[in-house]
C-alpha atoms as a PDB file:
ATOM      1  CA  MET A   1     -37.049  54.921  27.525  1.00  0.00           C
ATOM      2  CA  ARG A   2     -40.392  55.044  29.331  1.00  0.00           C
ATOM      3  CA  LYS A   3     -43.558  53.668  27.761  1.00  0.00           C
ATOM      4  CA  THR A   4     -45.739  56.052  25.795  1.00  0.00           C
ATOM      5  CA  TRP A   5     -48.606  55.721  28.299  1.00  0.00           C
ATOM      6  CA  THR A   6     -46.748  57.694  30.922  1.00  0.00           C
ATOM      7  CA  MET A   7     -47.545  60.925  29.071  1.00  0.00           C
ATOM      8  CA  MET A   8     -49.690  63.373  31.017  1.00  0.00           C
ATOM      9  CA  LEU A   9     -52.471  65.686  29.903  1.00  0.00           C
ATOM     10  CA  THR A  10     -50.236  68.735  30.259  1.00  0.00           C
ATOM     11  CA  PHE A  11     -47.791  67.065  27.897  1.00  0.00           C
ATOM     12  CA  ILE A  12     -50.580  66.695  25.356  1.00  0.00           C
ATOM     13  CA  LEU A  13     -51.356  70.390  25.740  1.00  0.00           C
ATOM     14  CA  ILE A  14     -47.683  71.218  25.215  1.00  0.00           C
ATOM     15  CA  ILE A  15     -47.617  69.248  21.960  1.00  0.00           C
ATOM     16  CA  LEU A  16     -50.626  71.171  20.680  1.00  0.00           C
ATOM     17  CA  VAL A  17     -49.195  74.540  21.644  1.00  0.00           C
ATOM     18  CA  LEU A  18     -45.802  73.844  20.118  1.00  0.00           C
ATOM     19  CA  ALA A  19     -47.499  72.801  16.896  1.00  0.00           C
ATOM     20  CA  ALA A  20     -49.459  76.041  16.892  1.00  0.00           C
ATOM     21  CA  CYS A  21     -46.352  78.127  17.518  1.00  0.00           C
ATOM     22  CA  GLY A  22     -44.433  76.285  14.847  1.00  0.00           C
ATOM     23  CA  ASN A  23     -47.103  77.083  12.292  1.00  0.00           C
ATOM     24  CA  GLY A  24     -47.393  80.699  13.354  1.00  0.00           C
ATOM     25  CA  ASP A  25     -44.069  82.050  12.027  1.00  0.00           C
ATOM     26  CA  THR A  26     -45.061  84.440   9.261  1.00  0.00           C
ATOM     27  CA  SER A  27     -41.784  86.318   8.856  1.00  0.00           C
ATOM     28  CA  ASP A  28     -39.777  86.005   5.632  1.00  0.00           C
ATOM     29  CA  GLU A  29     -36.869  84.551   7.544  1.00  0.00           C
ATOM     30  CA  GLY A  30     -39.158  82.047   9.238  1.00  0.00           C
ATOM     31  CA  SER A  31     -40.780  81.110   5.932  1.00  0.00           C
ATOM     32  CA  GLU A  32     -37.422  80.556   4.262  1.00  0.00           C
ATOM     33  CA  LYS A  33     -36.291  78.449   7.211  1.00  0.00           C
ATOM     34  CA  ASN A  34     -39.461  76.362   7.144  1.00  0.00           C
ATOM     35  CA  ASP A  35     -39.190  75.884   3.384  1.00  0.00           C
ATOM     36  CA  GLY A  36     -35.653  74.603   3.831  1.00  0.00           C
ATOM     37  CA  GLN A  37     -36.707  72.248   6.585  1.00  0.00           C
ATOM     38  CA  GLU A  38     -39.601  70.889   4.541  1.00  0.00           C
ATOM     39  CA  ALA A  39     -37.301  70.315   1.594  1.00  0.00           C
ATOM     40  CA  SER A  40     -34.811  68.356   3.682  1.00  0.00           C
ATOM     41  CA  LEU A  41     -37.401  66.579   5.851  1.00  0.00           C
ATOM     42  CA  GLU A  42     -40.066  65.055   3.639  1.00  0.00           C
ATOM     43  CA  LEU A  43     -42.158  63.453   6.337  1.00  0.00           C
ATOM     44  CA  PRO A  44     -44.421  60.505   5.445  1.00  0.00           C
ATOM     45  CA  GLU A  45     -48.166  60.622   6.005  1.00  0.00           C
ATOM     46  CA  PRO A  46     -49.775  58.766   8.909  1.00  0.00           C
ATOM     47  CA  ASP A  47     -51.667  55.638   7.895  1.00  0.00           C
ATOM     48  CA  LEU A  48     -55.235  56.060   9.161  1.00  0.00           C
ATOM     49  CA  GLU A  49     -56.764  53.269   7.081  1.00  0.00           C
ATOM     50  CA  GLY A  50     -59.005  50.859   8.944  1.00  0.00           C
ATOM     51  CA  ILE A  51     -59.242  52.764  12.231  1.00  0.00           C
ATOM     52  CA  PRO A  52     -62.518  51.567  13.841  1.00  0.00           C
ATOM     53  CA  ASP A  53     -65.199  54.032  14.934  1.00  0.00           C
ATOM     54  CA  ILE A  54     -64.588  52.942  18.526  1.00  0.00           C
ATOM     55  CA  VAL A  55     -60.906  52.341  19.186  1.00  0.00           C
ATOM     56  CA  ALA A  56     -61.199  51.235  22.807  1.00  0.00           C
ATOM     57  CA  GLU A  57     -63.596  50.869  25.735  1.00  0.00           C
ATOM     58  CA  ILE A  58     -62.464  51.453  29.312  1.00  0.00           C
ATOM     59  CA  ASN A  59     -64.950  50.590  32.047  1.00  0.00           C
ATOM     60  CA  GLY A  60     -67.794  51.547  29.707  1.00  0.00           C
ATOM     61  CA  GLU A  61     -66.175  54.758  28.414  1.00  0.00           C
ATOM     62  CA  GLU A  62     -65.217  54.943  24.743  1.00  0.00           C
ATOM     63  CA  ILE A  63     -62.198  56.304  22.920  1.00  0.00           C
ATOM     64  CA  THR A  64     -63.528  57.334  19.538  1.00  0.00           C
ATOM     65  CA  LYS A  65     -61.862  57.221  16.146  1.00  0.00           C
ATOM     66  CA  GLU A  66     -61.688  61.022  16.099  1.00  0.00           C
ATOM     67  CA  GLU A  67     -59.959  61.179  19.498  1.00  0.00           C
ATOM     68  CA  PHE A  68     -57.486  58.476  18.539  1.00  0.00           C
ATOM     69  CA  GLU A  69     -56.627  59.956  15.130  1.00  0.00           C
ATOM     70  CA  SER A  70     -55.963  63.372  16.654  1.00  0.00           C
ATOM     71  CA  MET A  71     -53.543  61.880  19.175  1.00  0.00           C
ATOM     72  CA  TYR A  72     -51.985  59.466  16.693  1.00  0.00           C
ATOM     73  CA  GLU A  73     -51.226  62.225  14.198  1.00  0.00           C
ATOM     74  CA  GLN A  74     -49.347  64.109  16.918  1.00  0.00           C
ATOM     75  CA  GLN A  75     -47.423  60.995  17.955  1.00  0.00           C
ATOM     76  CA  PHE A  76     -46.661  60.102  14.348  1.00  0.00           C
ATOM     77  CA  GLN A  77     -45.314  63.566  13.586  1.00  0.00           C
ATOM     78  CA  GLN A  78     -42.851  63.272  16.455  1.00  0.00           C
ATOM     79  CA  ALA A  79     -41.846  59.722  15.492  1.00  0.00           C
ATOM     80  CA  ALA A  80     -41.442  60.634  11.819  1.00  0.00           C
ATOM     81  CA  MET A  81     -39.107  63.509  12.651  1.00  0.00           C
ATOM     82  CA  GLN A  82     -37.018  61.204  14.824  1.00  0.00           C
ATOM     83  CA  SER A  83     -36.936  58.587  12.071  1.00  0.00           C
ATOM     84  CA  GLN A  84     -35.429  61.149   9.691  1.00  0.00           C
ATOM     85  CA  LEU A  85     -32.544  61.562  12.106  1.00  0.00           C
ATOM     86  CA  SER A  86     -32.102  57.880  12.941  1.00  0.00           C
ATOM     87  CA  GLY A  87     -32.724  56.482   9.465  1.00  0.00           C
ATOM     88  CA  GLN A  88     -35.220  53.959  10.831  1.00  0.00           C
ATOM     89  CA  GLU A  89     -38.689  53.786   9.319  1.00  0.00           C
ATOM     90  CA  VAL A  90     -41.622  54.353  11.671  1.00  0.00           C
ATOM     91  CA  ASP A  91     -43.396  51.115  12.602  1.00  0.00           C
ATOM     92  CA  GLN A  92     -46.926  52.482  12.390  1.00  0.00           C
ATOM     93  CA  ASP A  93     -48.612  49.330  13.674  1.00  0.00           C
ATOM     94  CA  GLN A  94     -46.473  49.468  16.796  1.00  0.00           C
ATOM     95  CA  LEU A  95     -46.998  53.217  17.180  1.00  0.00           C
ATOM     96  CA  LYS A  96     -50.780  52.804  16.904  1.00  0.00           C
ATOM     97  CA  GLU A  97     -50.679  50.153  19.603  1.00  0.00           C
ATOM     98  CA  GLN A  98     -48.541  52.357  21.866  1.00  0.00           C
ATOM     99  CA  THR A  99     -50.826  55.340  21.281  1.00  0.00           C
ATOM    100  CA  ALA A 100     -53.946  53.316  22.085  1.00  0.00           C
ATOM    101  CA  GLU A 101     -52.328  51.888  25.223  1.00  0.00           C
ATOM    102  CA  GLY A 102     -51.313  55.380  26.277  1.00  0.00           C
ATOM    103  CA  MET A 103     -54.829  56.724  25.845  1.00  0.00           C
ATOM    104  CA  VAL A 104     -56.339  53.762  27.709  1.00  0.00           C
ATOM    105  CA  ASN A 105     -54.052  54.187  30.680  1.00  0.00           C
ATOM    106  CA  GLN A 106     -54.563  57.937  30.714  1.00  0.00           C
ATOM    107  CA  ARG A 107     -58.316  57.346  30.803  1.00  0.00           C
ATOM    108  CA  LEU A 108     -57.889  54.914  33.710  1.00  0.00           C
ATOM    109  CA  LEU A 109     -55.951  57.545  35.656  1.00  0.00           C
ATOM    110  CA  THR A 110     -58.624  60.126  34.887  1.00  0.00           C
ATOM    111  CA  GLN A 111     -61.437  57.832  36.006  1.00  0.00           C
ATOM    112  CA  GLU A 112     -59.679  56.968  39.263  1.00  0.00           C
ATOM    113  CA  ALA A 113     -58.802  60.602  39.955  1.00  0.00           C
ATOM    114  CA  ASN A 114     -62.391  61.754  39.388  1.00  0.00           C
ATOM    115  CA  ASN A 115     -63.729  58.961  41.590  1.00  0.00           C
ATOM    116  CA  ARG A 116     -61.414  59.680  44.496  1.00  0.00           C
ATOM    117  CA  ILE A 117     -60.932  63.458  44.353  1.00  0.00           C
ATOM    118  CA  ALA A 118     -64.091  65.535  44.246  1.00  0.00           C
ATOM    119  CA  GLU A 119     -62.625  69.043  44.208  1.00  0.00           C
ATOM    120  CA  VAL A 120     -59.281  70.761  43.830  1.00  0.00           C
ATOM    121  CA  LEU A 121     -58.064  74.122  45.054  1.00  0.00           C
ATOM    122  CA  GLU A 122     -58.096  77.012  42.604  1.00  0.00           C
ATOM    123  CA  GLU A 123     -54.523  77.763  43.675  1.00  0.00           C
ATOM    124  CA  ASP A 124     -53.383  74.293  42.549  1.00  0.00           C
ATOM    125  CA  VAL A 125     -55.123  74.723  39.189  1.00  0.00           C
ATOM    126  CA  ASN A 126     -53.444  78.093  38.667  1.00  0.00           C
ATOM    127  CA  ASN A 127     -50.035  76.704  39.635  1.00  0.00           C
ATOM    128  CA  THR A 128     -50.369  73.867  37.118  1.00  0.00           C
ATOM    129  CA  LEU A 129     -51.508  76.305  34.454  1.00  0.00           C
ATOM    130  CA  ASP A 130     -48.480  78.487  35.198  1.00  0.00           C
ATOM    131  CA  GLU A 131     -46.257  75.436  34.670  1.00  0.00           C
ATOM    132  CA  VAL A 132     -47.741  74.815  31.233  1.00  0.00           C
ATOM    133  CA  VAL A 133     -47.265  78.481  30.337  1.00  0.00           C
ATOM    134  CA  LYS A 134     -43.639  78.364  31.485  1.00  0.00           C
ATOM    135  CA  GLN A 135     -42.865  75.076  29.718  1.00  0.00           C
ATOM    136  CA  ASN A 136     -44.059  76.570  26.462  1.00  0.00           C
ATOM    137  CA  GLY A 137     -41.860  79.636  26.838  1.00  0.00           C
ATOM    138  CA  MET A 138     -44.864  81.938  27.055  1.00  0.00           C
ATOM    139  CA  GLU A 139     -45.405  84.942  29.272  1.00  0.00           C
ATOM    140  CA  THR A 140     -49.063  84.778  30.237  1.00  0.00           C
ATOM    141  CA  LYS A 141     -52.062  82.491  30.573  1.00  0.00           C
ATOM    142  CA  GLU A 142     -53.823  84.562  27.910  1.00  0.00           C
ATOM    143  CA  GLU A 143     -51.060  83.874  25.401  1.00  0.00           C
ATOM    144  CA  LEU A 144     -51.379  80.152  26.031  1.00  0.00           C
ATOM    145  CA  LEU A 145     -55.162  80.176  25.708  1.00  0.00           C
ATOM    146  CA  VAL A 146     -54.977  82.051  22.407  1.00  0.00           C
ATOM    147  CA  ALA A 147     -52.514  79.497  21.026  1.00  0.00           C
ATOM    148  CA  LEU A 148     -54.713  76.611  22.153  1.00  0.00           C
ATOM    149  CA  GLU A 149     -57.849  78.247  20.776  1.00  0.00           C
ATOM    150  CA  GLU A 150     -56.128  78.374  17.390  1.00  0.00           C
ATOM    151  CA  GLN A 151     -55.854  74.587  17.747  1.00  0.00           C
ATOM    152  CA  GLY A 152     -59.602  74.337  18.382  1.00  0.00           C
ATOM    153  CA  MET A 153     -59.533  74.160  22.191  1.00  0.00           C
ATOM    154  CA  LYS A 154     -61.866  76.474  24.089  1.00  0.00           C
ATOM    155  CA  GLU A 155     -60.823  77.987  27.417  1.00  0.00           C
ATOM    156  CA  LYS A 156     -63.389  75.905  29.328  1.00  0.00           C
ATOM    157  CA  GLU A 157     -61.986  72.704  27.818  1.00  0.00           C
ATOM    158  CA  VAL A 158     -58.418  73.724  28.656  1.00  0.00           C
ATOM    159  CA  MET A 159     -59.300  74.506  32.254  1.00  0.00           C
ATOM    160  CA  GLU A 160     -61.118  71.165  32.606  1.00  0.00           C
ATOM    161  CA  LEU A 161     -57.985  69.383  31.380  1.00  0.00           C
ATOM    162  CA  ILE A 162     -55.815  71.331  33.804  1.00  0.00           C
ATOM    163  CA  GLU A 163     -58.184  70.516  36.686  1.00  0.00           C
ATOM    164  CA  THR A 164     -58.065  66.842  35.731  1.00  0.00           C
ATOM    165  CA  GLN A 165     -54.276  66.992  35.675  1.00  0.00           C
ATOM    166  CA  VAL A 166     -54.259  68.424  39.200  1.00  0.00           C
ATOM    167  CA  LYS A 167     -56.476  65.558  40.352  1.00  0.00           C
ATOM    168  CA  ILE A 168     -54.150  63.018  38.731  1.00  0.00           C
ATOM    169  CA  ASP A 169     -51.123  64.645  40.362  1.00  0.00           C
ATOM    170  CA  GLN A 170     -52.837  64.454  43.747  1.00  0.00           C
ATOM    171  CA  LEU A 171     -53.871  60.858  43.121  1.00  0.00           C
ATOM    172  CA  ILE A 172     -50.300  59.821  42.344  1.00  0.00           C
ATOM    173  CA  ALA A 173     -49.045  61.734  45.395  1.00  0.00           C
ATOM    174  CA  GLU A 174     -51.539  59.885  47.601  1.00  0.00           C
ATOM    175  CA  GLU A 175     -50.438  56.532  46.191  1.00  0.00           C
ATOM    176  CA  SER A 176     -46.711  57.112  46.374  1.00  0.00           C
ATOM    177  CA  GLY A 177     -46.219  59.358  49.407  1.00  0.00           C
ATOM    178  CA  ASN A 178     -43.228  61.687  49.626  1.00  0.00           C
ATOM    179  CA  MET A 179     -41.338  61.763  46.311  1.00  0.00           C
ATOM    180  CA  GLU A 180     -38.760  64.386  47.252  1.00  0.00           C
ATOM    181  CA  PRO A 181     -35.348  62.910  46.413  1.00  0.00           C
ATOM    182  CA  THR A 182     -32.886  62.196  49.207  1.00  0.00           C
ATOM    183  CA  ASP A 183     -29.330  63.510  49.181  1.00  0.00           C
ATOM    184  CA  ASP A 184     -28.076  59.994  48.459  1.00  0.00           C
ATOM    185  CA  GLU A 185     -30.395  59.623  45.443  1.00  0.00           C
ATOM    186  CA  VAL A 186     -29.256  62.933  43.979  1.00  0.00           C
ATOM    187  CA  LYS A 187     -25.603  62.072  44.516  1.00  0.00           C
ATOM    188  CA  GLU A 188     -26.128  58.667  42.881  1.00  0.00           C
ATOM    189  CA  ALA A 189     -27.714  60.355  39.858  1.00  0.00           C
ATOM    190  CA  TYR A 190     -24.703  62.659  39.605  1.00  0.00           C
ATOM    191  CA  ASP A 191     -22.234  59.779  39.804  1.00  0.00           C
ATOM    192  CA  ASN A 192     -24.161  57.845  37.136  1.00  0.00           C
ATOM    193  CA  MET A 193     -24.197  60.798  34.733  1.00  0.00           C
ATOM    194  CA  LYS A 194     -20.500  61.399  35.253  1.00  0.00           C
ATOM    195  CA  ALA A 195     -19.711  57.717  34.679  1.00  0.00           C
ATOM    196  CA  GLN A 196     -21.768  57.694  31.473  1.00  0.00           C
ATOM    197  CA  GLN A 197     -19.828  60.644  30.105  1.00  0.00           C
ATOM    198  CA  GLU A 198     -16.543  58.912  30.871  1.00  0.00           C
ATOM    199  CA  GLU A 199     -17.740  55.706  29.178  1.00  0.00           C
ATOM    200  CA  MET A 200     -18.580  57.686  26.051  1.00  0.00           C
ATOM    201  CA  GLY A 201     -15.033  59.006  25.946  1.00  0.00           C
ATOM    202  CA  ASN A 202     -16.112  62.609  26.370  1.00  0.00           C
ATOM    203  CA  ASP A 203     -13.077  64.611  27.509  1.00  0.00           C
ATOM    204  CA  GLU A 204     -15.052  67.727  28.453  1.00  0.00           C
ATOM    205  CA  GLU A 205     -14.886  68.664  32.115  1.00  0.00           C
ATOM    206  CA  PHE A 206     -18.007  67.451  33.908  1.00  0.00           C
ATOM    207  CA  PRO A 207     -19.853  70.145  35.908  1.00  0.00           C
ATOM    208  CA  ALA A 208     -19.344  70.219  39.648  1.00  0.00           C
ATOM    209  CA  PHE A 209     -22.105  68.685  41.752  1.00  0.00           C
ATOM    210  CA  ASP A 210     -23.158  72.026  43.234  1.00  0.00           C
ATOM    211  CA  GLU A 211     -23.647  73.518  39.759  1.00  0.00           C
ATOM    212  CA  ILE A 212     -26.251  71.020  38.631  1.00  0.00           C
ATOM    213  CA  GLU A 213     -27.720  69.847  41.946  1.00  0.00           C
ATOM    214  CA  PRO A 214     -31.093  71.651  41.453  1.00  0.00           C
ATOM    215  CA  ASP A 215     -31.521  70.094  37.990  1.00  0.00           C
ATOM    216  CA  LEU A 216     -30.557  66.685  39.332  1.00  0.00           C
ATOM    217  CA  LYS A 217     -33.133  66.939  42.127  1.00  0.00           C
ATOM    218  CA  GLU A 218     -35.864  67.742  39.614  1.00  0.00           C
ATOM    219  CA  GLN A 219     -34.746  64.900  37.351  1.00  0.00           C
ATOM    220  CA  VAL A 220     -34.780  62.349  40.178  1.00  0.00           C
ATOM    221  CA  LYS A 221     -38.194  63.592  41.342  1.00  0.00           C
ATOM    222  CA  GLN A 222     -39.631  63.248  37.835  1.00  0.00           C
ATOM    223  CA  GLN A 223     -38.223  59.737  37.585  1.00  0.00           C
ATOM    224  CA  LYS A 224     -39.876  58.765  40.864  1.00  0.00           C
ATOM    225  CA  GLU A 225     -43.177  60.277  39.724  1.00  0.00           C
ATOM    226  CA  MET A 226     -43.047  58.300  36.483  1.00  0.00           C
ATOM    227  CA  GLU A 227     -42.355  55.077  38.367  1.00  0.00           C
ATOM    228  CA  ALA A 228     -45.235  55.795  40.762  1.00  0.00           C
ATOM    229  CA  THR A 229     -47.534  56.455  37.803  1.00  0.00           C
ATOM    230  CA  GLU A 230     -46.491  53.197  36.168  1.00  0.00           C
ATOM    231  CA  THR A 231     -47.174  51.243  39.360  1.00  0.00           C
ATOM    232  CA  LEU A 232     -50.602  52.835  39.795  1.00  0.00           C
ATOM    233  CA  VAL A 233     -51.633  52.215  36.193  1.00  0.00           C
ATOM    234  CA  GLU A 234     -50.586  48.569  36.399  1.00  0.00           C
ATOM    235  CA  LYS A 235     -52.782  48.205  39.492  1.00  0.00           C
ATOM    236  CA  LEU A 236     -55.740  49.891  37.789  1.00  0.00           C
ATOM    237  CA  ARG A 237     -55.383  47.700  34.686  1.00  0.00           C
ATOM    238  CA  LYS A 238     -55.776  44.539  36.770  1.00  0.00           C
ATOM    239  CA  ASP A 239     -59.281  45.530  37.901  1.00  0.00           C
ATOM    240  CA  ALA A 240     -60.381  47.365  34.755  1.00  0.00           C
ATOM    241  CA  ASP A 241     -62.624  46.225  31.918  1.00  0.00           C
ATOM    242  CA  VAL A 242     -60.550  47.231  28.879  1.00  0.00           C
ATOM    243  CA  THR A 243     -61.020  46.316  25.228  1.00  0.00           C
ATOM    244  CA  ILE A 244     -58.900  47.688  22.382  1.00  0.00           C
ATOM    245  CA  TYR A 245     -60.322  47.188  18.880  1.00  0.00           C
ATOM    246  CA  LEU A 246     -57.305  48.034  16.713  1.00  0.00           C
END
């Protein structure tokens, strides 16, 4: 499992949109379903006691209490739902630390991207926006913006986040070079997945390589991108002035 700080800005947007969509089901059937879920999943409340006004400082930039609480509530909601399934109680002290570390490292990436990349192409911004739309199962940019506006995010703010994400993507690409997976890497991923299924005693027939090759390529590419991000952040942390006040 990768560290929390590997999350990207588009992932944060996705969380917000999914929350908005989840709260937007006004049909009787949806209401009955939600009532049943709430009855069976009584989620605990996040502990926000003692959060300082300034949670962290990164090279002179501050992460405020308001920013941290907004992110922590989202992270806690996800962790609490998982804890209902696993039976393990959420370690909120650990989750707060992970959330703060994630926000610090995201801010470091943003600072470095803004310092090194002055402008991005409108085409790249639109392509990234299209990805967010697609990942949320929506049809249009307008639908996404409406959902985000319901969460308190104006279009200008959304577009600034998307532009920053494009800069970060370009920064990571510059640092890591070509991240397209080789044939050998994809085949190794296939063999590993097949071996894992056999170890679990799953008797179902494993898909042929050709059937899942495109998905495997994307999976390997994402893995390489995450590793490149981790390496870059570790390098930035060495030279950064970071203080966390939790």
